[in-house]
Protein backbone atom coordinates (compact mmCIF):
# COMPACT_ATOMS: atom_id res chain seq x y z
CA UNK A 1 -43.54 44.41 47.49
CA UNK A 2 -45.57 41.22 47.88
CA UNK A 3 -48.37 42.75 45.79
CA UNK A 4 -45.95 43.57 42.98
CA UNK A 5 -44.55 40.04 43.05
CA UNK A 6 -48.04 38.53 42.83
CA UNK A 7 -48.94 40.77 39.87
CA UNK A 8 -45.73 39.80 38.06
CA UNK A 9 -46.40 36.11 38.66
CA UNK A 10 -49.98 36.45 37.40
CA UNK A 11 -48.74 38.21 34.25
CA UNK A 12 -46.34 35.33 33.57
CA UNK A 13 -49.11 32.73 33.84
CA UNK A 14 -51.29 34.75 31.47
CA UNK A 15 -48.52 34.77 28.84
CA UNK A 16 -48.14 30.99 29.15
CA UNK A 17 -51.89 30.50 28.66
CA UNK A 18 -51.82 32.66 25.52
CA UNK A 19 -48.95 30.62 24.10
CA UNK A 20 -50.86 27.38 24.68
CA UNK A 21 -53.92 28.81 22.91
CA UNK A 22 -51.78 29.71 19.86
CA UNK A 23 -50.32 26.23 19.64
CA UNK A 24 -53.81 24.74 19.69
CA UNK A 25 -54.49 26.29 16.26
CA UNK A 26 -51.31 24.82 14.69
CA UNK A 27 -51.73 21.60 12.66
CA UNK A 28 -50.45 18.46 14.29
CA UNK A 29 -47.23 17.07 12.76
CA UNK A 30 -47.26 13.29 12.60
CA UNK A 31 -44.47 11.63 14.54
CA UNK A 32 -43.64 9.43 11.57
CA UNK A 33 -42.92 12.46 9.41
CA UNK A 34 -40.58 13.82 12.07
CA UNK A 35 -38.72 10.54 12.24
CA UNK A 36 -38.63 10.24 8.47
CA UNK A 37 -37.31 13.76 8.03
CA UNK A 38 -34.59 13.26 10.61
CA UNK A 39 -33.69 9.89 9.14
CA UNK A 40 -33.60 11.26 5.62
CA UNK A 41 -31.42 14.18 6.70
CA UNK A 42 -29.09 11.74 8.48
CA UNK A 43 -28.94 9.50 5.44
CA UNK A 44 -28.26 12.52 3.25
CA UNK A 45 -25.35 13.45 5.50
CA UNK A 46 -24.04 9.92 5.41
CA UNK A 47 -24.40 9.72 1.66
CA UNK A 48 -22.54 12.99 1.41
CA UNK A 49 -19.63 11.42 3.29
CA UNK A 50 -19.47 8.40 0.99
CA UNK A 51 -16.50 8.79 -1.32
CA UNK A 52 -16.40 7.64 -4.87
CA UNK A 53 -13.89 4.89 -5.71
CA UNK A 54 -10.60 5.97 -7.17
CA UNK A 55 -10.13 5.87 -10.90
CA UNK A 56 -8.52 3.00 -12.76
CA UNK A 57 -6.06 5.15 -14.65
CA UNK A 58 -2.32 4.93 -13.98
CA UNK A 59 -2.20 8.44 -12.48
CA UNK A 60 -5.29 8.14 -10.26
CA UNK A 61 -3.42 6.53 -7.38
CA UNK A 62 -0.57 9.03 -7.67
CA UNK A 63 -3.05 11.88 -7.43
CA UNK A 64 -4.55 10.29 -4.34
CA UNK A 65 -1.12 9.91 -2.70
CA UNK A 66 -0.21 13.52 -3.37
CA UNK A 67 -3.51 15.34 -2.85
CA UNK A 68 -5.61 13.26 -0.46
CA UNK A 69 -3.47 10.89 1.64
CA UNK A 70 -6.07 10.61 4.39
CA UNK A 71 -8.60 9.25 1.94
CA UNK A 72 -6.03 6.67 0.91
CA UNK A 73 -5.63 5.70 4.57
CA UNK A 74 -9.37 5.11 4.74
CA UNK A 75 -9.49 3.15 1.49
CA UNK A 76 -6.78 0.68 2.47
CA UNK A 77 -8.87 -0.28 5.49
CA UNK A 78 -11.63 -1.57 3.24
CA UNK A 79 -11.17 -5.36 2.80
CA UNK A 80 -12.73 -5.26 -0.67
CA UNK A 81 -10.23 -2.64 -1.88
CA UNK A 82 -7.09 -4.11 -0.31
CA UNK A 83 -6.10 -6.73 -2.94
CA UNK A 84 -6.27 -4.34 -5.88
CA UNK A 85 -4.69 -1.45 -4.00
CA UNK A 86 -1.84 -3.69 -2.89
CA UNK A 87 -0.79 -4.48 -6.45
CA UNK A 88 -1.23 -0.88 -7.58
CA UNK A 89 0.86 0.45 -4.70
CA UNK A 90 3.49 -2.18 -5.41
CA UNK A 91 3.60 -1.03 -9.02
CA UNK A 92 4.15 2.56 -7.85
CA UNK A 93 7.05 1.36 -5.71
CA UNK A 94 8.68 -0.54 -8.56
CA UNK A 95 8.30 2.31 -11.03
CA UNK A 96 9.57 4.93 -8.58
CA UNK A 97 12.62 2.96 -7.44
CA UNK A 98 13.42 1.89 -10.99
CA UNK A 99 13.23 5.50 -12.10
CA UNK A 100 15.68 6.40 -9.34
CA UNK A 101 18.09 3.69 -10.47
CA UNK A 102 17.95 4.92 -14.05
CA UNK A 103 18.50 8.56 -13.03
CA UNK A 104 21.38 7.65 -10.72
CA UNK A 105 22.99 5.54 -13.43
CA UNK A 106 22.74 8.46 -15.86
CA UNK A 107 24.41 10.80 -13.37
CA UNK A 108 27.24 8.34 -12.72
CA UNK A 109 27.78 7.53 -16.38
CA UNK A 110 27.82 11.23 -17.25
CA UNK A 111 30.57 11.91 -14.71
CA UNK A 112 32.56 8.93 -16.11
CA UNK A 113 32.96 7.32 -12.69
CA UNK A 114 31.37 4.25 -11.19
CA UNK A 115 31.14 2.89 -7.62
CA UNK A 116 33.49 0.01 -6.85
CA UNK A 117 32.21 -2.23 -4.07
CA UNK A 118 34.45 -3.92 -1.52
CA UNK A 119 33.48 -6.97 0.51
CA UNK A 120 32.52 -6.30 4.10
CA UNK A 121 35.07 -8.78 5.47
CA UNK A 122 37.84 -7.06 3.51
CA UNK A 123 36.89 -3.70 4.94
CA UNK A 124 36.80 -5.10 8.46
CA UNK A 125 40.25 -6.62 7.96
CA UNK A 126 41.49 -3.22 6.71
CA UNK A 127 42.38 -4.58 3.28
CA UNK A 128 40.20 -1.89 1.69
CA UNK A 129 39.52 1.55 3.06
CA UNK A 130 35.75 1.77 2.48
CA UNK A 131 32.82 -0.21 1.16
CA UNK A 132 32.23 2.09 -1.81
CA UNK A 133 34.87 3.94 -3.80
CA UNK A 134 34.24 6.02 -6.91
CA UNK A 135 36.75 5.20 -9.62
CA UNK A 136 37.02 6.80 -13.03
CA UNK A 137 37.98 5.13 -16.30
CA UNK A 138 39.63 7.36 -18.93
CA UNK A 139 38.54 4.98 -21.69
CA UNK A 140 34.88 4.94 -20.55
CA UNK A 141 32.11 6.88 -22.20
CA UNK A 142 28.44 7.56 -21.54
CA UNK A 143 27.28 4.14 -22.76
CA UNK A 144 29.93 2.02 -21.02
CA UNK A 145 27.96 1.28 -17.80
CA UNK A 146 24.92 0.32 -19.88
CA UNK A 147 26.85 -1.99 -22.17
CA UNK A 148 28.77 -3.84 -19.45
CA UNK A 149 25.65 -4.24 -17.29
CA UNK A 150 26.76 -2.13 -14.31
CA UNK A 151 23.80 0.23 -14.70
CA UNK A 152 21.32 -2.64 -14.76
CA UNK A 153 22.90 -4.09 -11.62
CA UNK A 154 22.44 -0.80 -9.78
CA UNK A 155 18.82 -0.46 -10.94
CA UNK A 156 17.91 -4.02 -9.96
CA UNK A 157 19.71 -3.84 -6.61
CA UNK A 158 17.79 -0.76 -5.48
CA UNK A 159 14.40 -1.79 -6.88
CA UNK A 160 14.55 -5.30 -5.41
CA UNK A 161 16.40 -4.36 -2.24
CA UNK A 162 14.12 -1.55 -1.09
CA UNK A 163 10.98 -3.64 -1.56
CA UNK A 164 12.55 -6.91 -0.42
CA UNK A 165 13.68 -5.34 2.85
CA UNK A 166 10.06 -4.38 3.49
CA UNK A 167 9.04 -8.02 3.19
CA UNK A 168 11.82 -9.09 5.55
CA UNK A 169 10.73 -6.56 8.18
CA UNK A 170 6.98 -7.27 7.94
CA UNK A 171 6.88 -9.72 10.90
CA UNK A 172 8.50 -7.06 13.08
CA UNK A 173 5.86 -4.51 12.12
CA UNK A 174 3.08 -7.00 12.87
CA UNK A 175 4.61 -7.75 16.26
CA UNK A 176 5.08 -4.06 17.06
CA UNK A 177 1.45 -3.43 16.17
CA UNK A 178 0.34 -6.12 18.60
CA UNK A 179 2.49 -4.57 21.32
CA UNK A 180 0.82 -1.24 20.68
CA UNK A 181 -2.61 -2.85 21.02
CA UNK A 182 -3.65 -2.21 17.41
CA UNK A 183 -5.95 -4.86 15.96
CA UNK A 184 -4.85 -5.58 12.40
CA UNK A 185 -4.50 -8.59 10.18
CA UNK A 186 -1.38 -9.54 8.28
CA UNK A 187 -3.00 -8.07 5.16
CA UNK A 188 -3.33 -4.75 6.97
CA UNK A 189 0.35 -4.86 7.86
CA UNK A 190 1.39 -5.63 4.28
CA UNK A 191 -0.69 -2.92 2.64
CA UNK A 192 0.30 -0.24 5.17
CA UNK A 193 3.98 -1.09 4.69
CA UNK A 194 3.71 -1.07 0.88
CA UNK A 195 1.76 2.17 1.04
CA UNK A 196 4.58 3.80 2.99
CA UNK A 197 7.08 2.60 0.37
CA UNK A 198 4.88 3.98 -2.40
CA UNK A 199 4.80 7.37 -0.68
CA UNK A 200 8.59 7.24 -0.32
CA UNK A 201 8.95 6.33 -4.01
CA UNK A 202 6.80 9.27 -5.09
CA UNK A 203 8.79 11.60 -2.84
CA UNK A 204 12.02 10.19 -4.26
CA UNK A 205 10.92 10.92 -7.81
CA UNK A 206 9.99 14.43 -6.74
CA UNK A 207 13.43 15.30 -5.33
CA UNK A 208 15.42 13.51 -8.04
CA UNK A 209 15.52 16.48 -10.46
CA UNK A 210 17.18 18.63 -7.80
CA UNK A 211 19.89 16.07 -7.18
CA UNK A 212 20.31 15.32 -10.89
CA UNK A 213 20.99 19.00 -11.55
CA UNK A 214 23.59 19.01 -8.79
CA UNK A 215 25.17 15.79 -10.04
CA UNK A 216 25.36 16.93 -13.64
CA UNK A 217 27.03 20.15 -12.51
CA UNK A 218 30.13 18.04 -11.78
CA UNK A 219 30.63 17.54 -15.49
CA UNK A 220 30.50 21.30 -16.14
CA UNK A 221 32.73 22.68 -13.39
CA UNK A 222 36.23 21.30 -12.74
CA UNK A 223 36.05 19.86 -9.23
CA UNK A 224 38.44 17.74 -7.22
CA UNK A 225 37.85 14.05 -6.65
CA UNK A 226 36.96 14.64 -3.00
CA UNK A 227 34.21 17.12 -3.86
CA UNK A 228 32.99 14.85 -6.64
CA UNK A 229 32.68 11.91 -4.25
CA UNK A 230 30.98 14.15 -1.68
CA UNK A 231 28.32 14.98 -4.29
CA UNK A 232 27.83 11.45 -5.65
CA UNK A 233 27.70 9.58 -2.35
CA UNK A 234 24.54 11.32 -1.03
CA UNK A 235 22.79 10.21 -4.21
CA UNK A 236 23.17 6.58 -3.17
CA UNK A 237 21.43 7.25 0.15
CA UNK A 238 18.74 9.48 -1.34
CA UNK A 239 16.03 6.76 -1.04
CA UNK A 240 16.50 6.72 2.72
CA UNK A 241 16.08 10.50 2.90
CA UNK A 242 12.85 10.19 0.93
CA UNK A 243 11.86 7.34 3.24
CA UNK A 244 11.15 9.85 6.00
CA UNK A 245 7.92 10.75 4.24
CA UNK A 246 7.06 7.06 4.08
CA UNK A 247 7.67 6.73 7.81
CA UNK A 248 5.26 9.56 8.53
CA UNK A 249 2.70 8.03 6.17
CA UNK A 250 3.03 4.69 7.97
CA UNK A 251 2.47 6.30 11.35
CA UNK A 252 -0.52 8.28 10.10
CA UNK A 253 -2.08 5.17 8.59
CA UNK A 254 -1.56 3.02 11.67
CA UNK A 255 -2.89 5.81 13.89
CA UNK A 256 -6.27 5.46 12.18
CA UNK A 257 -6.43 1.91 13.54
CA UNK A 258 -6.46 3.16 17.12
CA UNK A 259 -10.23 3.62 16.83
CA UNK A 260 -10.46 -0.11 17.58
CA UNK A 261 -9.21 0.62 21.11
CA UNK A 262 -11.18 1.84 24.06
CA UNK A 263 -10.95 5.54 24.83
CA UNK A 264 -8.90 5.13 28.00
CA UNK A 265 -6.32 2.95 26.23
CA UNK A 266 -6.19 5.18 23.17
CA UNK A 267 -4.81 8.13 25.12
CA UNK A 268 -1.51 6.50 26.08
CA UNK A 269 -1.23 3.88 23.31
CA UNK A 270 -0.90 6.46 20.52
CA UNK A 271 2.43 7.65 21.93
CA UNK A 272 3.53 4.04 22.29
CA UNK A 273 2.55 3.39 18.67
CA UNK A 274 4.69 6.31 17.51
CA UNK A 275 7.74 4.85 19.21
CA UNK A 276 7.12 1.43 17.71
CA UNK A 277 6.82 2.85 14.20
CA UNK A 278 10.12 4.65 14.69
CA UNK A 279 11.64 1.41 15.95
CA UNK A 280 10.45 -0.47 12.88
CA UNK A 281 11.82 2.29 10.66
CA UNK A 282 15.18 1.89 12.36
CA UNK A 283 15.08 -1.86 11.71
CA UNK A 284 14.22 -1.26 8.06
CA UNK A 285 16.98 1.34 7.74
CA UNK A 286 19.45 -1.25 9.01
CA UNK A 287 18.24 -4.12 6.83
CA UNK A 288 17.70 -2.37 3.49
CA UNK A 289 21.26 -0.98 2.96
CA UNK A 290 22.76 -4.39 3.69
CA UNK A 291 20.35 -6.08 1.30
CA UNK A 292 20.96 -3.51 -1.45
CA UNK A 293 24.73 -3.76 -1.05
CA UNK A 294 24.65 -7.56 -1.08
CA UNK A 295 22.43 -7.72 -4.17
CA UNK A 296 24.51 -5.10 -5.96
CA UNK A 297 27.71 -6.99 -5.21
CA UNK A 298 26.26 -10.32 -6.30
CA UNK A 299 24.81 -8.91 -9.52
CA UNK A 300 28.17 -7.44 -10.48
CA UNK A 301 29.85 -10.77 -9.74
């Protein structure tokens, strides 16, 4: 057995010697060429990851929001892109919320009813039953809310209120981010908040046709006033339903900032960040309806 083991070991050494003799005939590869090839391949991979800037057209940002939201999350972290993206996202918010106000005004004017607002102190003192009551006017027509300015008041109240509430709640979001351990400037807070509102505005425009079809069905089928009010009232809170997509977008965007943390802190801070984003969304959901209602009431006089 020992003889067989020695023969096997000798055979192994002979194979190693033959391999060394073969490598002696191969041309030597300079070390610089190896480094250059690896560097060039690395640079090629990096250059492949570099993304082209978004287009300047009016629909380029919408396409980015709908098709590639993660790229948008990366772009808003670039300091050079933040000022321009901020104004473009703000424009998307204004257009989306204004479009909602126009569509809601058309639905209300078509059904020949309009919301009548009651003061909060009167409701608390039981003088009026509810804050909003839908009242019809037999003498009204499709153009009445547009001529007396009620439609413009609704449009302005929602467009200004939804964005204005974001500005009011910005310090809370900045403070919550600090509690979560996320390093971000005030500009980061502003652009992430406006981005979430832009996503909510795009979602709102997407679901508006479904609600408009349901609202216009009231004018076709004879329904009672209770069913009519039950259909119209959800339309006024539709922006907050669409805001759920904005909340998710805000959390996804802020989660990308956790790469500034150490690995041990990142594991338990991400869950903490999720709770803080939900807390800020609750604060916004409490502030924005009050602001919209107050503006709407003041605009109507």
